[in-house]
Amino acid sequence: MPRYISLYEKTGNNLVNRMNLMRDDHEFFQALFGNPIDDPLVYDSYRIDEEINLKIFHKMSVMVDIVTYDCYVEFAA
């Protein structure tokens, strides 16, 4: 069950890029997004803010440009 990071234009909301994450650490993402009760498998789309961006970087060595793009962690169904 792969996850990816999607980058969207801030003004037009068009998809600019999608990066597959090489490993899916379910427990990491569950904790990262506050153990969502209504989404225990973390299948929804979650916005990446500065704090989340840093945590993903420390865990997976991936950092995205949240100033230029609206970035989300998403699940590949």
C-alpha atoms as a PDB file:
ATOM      1  CA  MET A   1       0.000   0.000   0.000  1.00  0.00           C
ATOM      2  CA  PRO A   2       2.177   2.848  -1.217  1.00  0.00           C
ATOM      3  CA  ARG A   3       1.882   6.445  -0.152  1.00  0.00           C
ATOM      4  CA  TYR A   4       3.028   9.428  -2.102  1.00  0.00           C
ATOM      5  CA  ILE A   5       3.506  13.154  -1.765  1.00  0.00           C
ATOM      6  CA  SER A   6       1.552  15.320  -4.171  1.00  0.00           C
ATOM      7  CA  LEU A   7       2.462  18.899  -5.056  1.00  0.00           C
ATOM      8  CA  TYR A   8      -0.278  21.206  -6.341  1.00  0.00           C
ATOM      9  CA  GLU A   9      -0.193  24.765  -7.645  1.00  0.00           C
ATOM     10  CA  LYS A  10      -1.229  27.209  -4.952  1.00  0.00           C
ATOM     11  CA  THR A  11      -3.221  29.332  -7.366  1.00  0.00           C
ATOM     12  CA  GLY A  12      -4.744  26.821  -9.767  1.00  0.00           C
ATOM     13  CA  ASN A  13      -4.747  23.618  -7.714  1.00  0.00           C
ATOM     14  CA  ASN A  14      -3.339  21.678 -10.677  1.00  0.00           C
ATOM     15  CA  LEU A  15      -1.165  18.682  -9.860  1.00  0.00           C
ATOM     16  CA  VAL A  16       2.489  19.571 -10.536  1.00  0.00           C
ATOM     17  CA  ASN A  17       4.298  16.465  -9.303  1.00  0.00           C
ATOM     18  CA  ARG A  18       3.724  13.247  -7.412  1.00  0.00           C
ATOM     19  CA  MET A  19       6.513  11.408  -5.593  1.00  0.00           C
ATOM     20  CA  ASN A  20       6.117   7.813  -4.488  1.00  0.00           C
ATOM     21  CA  LEU A  21       7.524   7.100  -1.059  1.00  0.00           C
ATOM     22  CA  MET A  22       9.826   4.100  -1.169  1.00  0.00           C
ATOM     23  CA  ARG A  23       8.481   2.692   2.082  1.00  0.00           C
ATOM     24  CA  ASP A  24       5.152   3.009   3.793  1.00  0.00           C
ATOM     25  CA  ASP A  25       5.590   3.353   7.528  1.00  0.00           C
ATOM     26  CA  HIS A  26       1.951   3.192   8.606  1.00  0.00           C
ATOM     27  CA  GLU A  27       2.668   3.777  12.297  1.00  0.00           C
ATOM     28  CA  PHE A  28       4.794   6.841  11.488  1.00  0.00           C
ATOM     29  CA  PHE A  29       2.061   8.440   9.383  1.00  0.00           C
ATOM     30  CA  GLN A  30      -0.618   7.504  11.882  1.00  0.00           C
ATOM     31  CA  ALA A  31       1.303   9.255  14.673  1.00  0.00           C
ATOM     32  CA  LEU A  32       2.308  12.142  12.389  1.00  0.00           C
ATOM     33  CA  PHE A  33      -1.317  13.018  11.705  1.00  0.00           C
ATOM     34  CA  GLY A  34      -2.553  12.519  15.266  1.00  0.00           C
ATOM     35  CA  ASN A  35      -3.942   8.971  15.132  1.00  0.00           C
ATOM     36  CA  PRO A  36      -7.110   9.994  13.284  1.00  0.00           C
ATOM     37  CA  ILE A  37     -10.041   8.039  14.740  1.00  0.00           C
ATOM     38  CA  ASP A  38     -12.123   8.410  11.574  1.00  0.00           C
ATOM     39  CA  ASP A  39      -9.199   7.312   9.364  1.00  0.00           C
ATOM     40  CA  PRO A  40      -7.162   4.690  11.280  1.00  0.00           C
ATOM     41  CA  LEU A  41      -5.358   3.463   8.150  1.00  0.00           C
ATOM     42  CA  VAL A  42      -4.477   7.039   7.143  1.00  0.00           C
ATOM     43  CA  TYR A  43      -5.996   6.727   3.657  1.00  0.00           C
ATOM     44  CA  ASP A  44      -7.154  10.348   3.453  1.00  0.00           C
ATOM     45  CA  SER A  45      -5.147  13.237   2.048  1.00  0.00           C
ATOM     46  CA  TYR A  46      -3.146  15.165   4.668  1.00  0.00           C
ATOM     47  CA  ARG A  47      -1.628  18.601   4.150  1.00  0.00           C
ATOM     48  CA  ILE A  48       2.085  18.988   4.800  1.00  0.00           C
ATOM     49  CA  ASP A  49       2.957  22.000   6.929  1.00  0.00           C
ATOM     50  CA  GLU A  50       6.417  23.094   8.097  1.00  0.00           C
ATOM     51  CA  GLU A  51       6.466  20.812  11.147  1.00  0.00           C
ATOM     52  CA  ILE A  52       5.262  17.758   9.222  1.00  0.00           C
ATOM     53  CA  ASN A  53       7.712  18.520   6.405  1.00  0.00           C
ATOM     54  CA  LEU A  54      10.609  18.423   8.882  1.00  0.00           C
ATOM     55  CA  LYS A  55       9.415  15.181  10.478  1.00  0.00           C
ATOM     56  CA  ILE A  56       9.094  13.493   7.078  1.00  0.00           C
ATOM     57  CA  PHE A  57      12.562  14.763   6.174  1.00  0.00           C
ATOM     58  CA  HIS A  58      14.120  13.344   9.346  1.00  0.00           C
ATOM     59  CA  LYS A  59      12.411   9.982   8.848  1.00  0.00           C
ATOM     60  CA  MET A  60      12.565   9.575   5.055  1.00  0.00           C
ATOM     61  CA  SER A  61      15.057  12.178   3.763  1.00  0.00           C
ATOM     62  CA  VAL A  62      12.360  13.849   1.648  1.00  0.00           C
ATOM     63  CA  MET A  63      11.556  17.558   1.909  1.00  0.00           C
ATOM     64  CA  VAL A  64       9.112  19.465  -0.266  1.00  0.00           C
ATOM     65  CA  ASP A  65       8.697  23.151  -1.108  1.00  0.00           C
ATOM     66  CA  ILE A  66       5.632  24.094   0.930  1.00  0.00           C
ATOM     67  CA  VAL A  67       6.112  27.779   0.124  1.00  0.00           C
ATOM     68  CA  THR A  68       5.664  27.314  -3.628  1.00  0.00           C
ATOM     69  CA  TYR A  69       3.250  24.365  -3.593  1.00  0.00           C
ATOM     70  CA  ASP A  70       0.363  22.954  -1.585  1.00  0.00           C
ATOM     71  CA  CYS A  71       1.739  19.562  -0.571  1.00  0.00           C
ATOM     72  CA  TYR A  72      -0.105  16.504   0.706  1.00  0.00           C
ATOM     73  CA  VAL A  73       0.618  12.980   1.840  1.00  0.00           C
ATOM     74  CA  GLU A  74      -1.824  10.735   0.013  1.00  0.00           C
ATOM     75  CA  PHE A  75      -2.554   7.039  -0.265  1.00  0.00           C
ATOM     76  CA  ALA A  76      -2.317   5.232  -3.597  1.00  0.00           C
ATOM     77  CA  ALA A  77      -5.494   3.206  -3.873  1.00  0.00           C
END
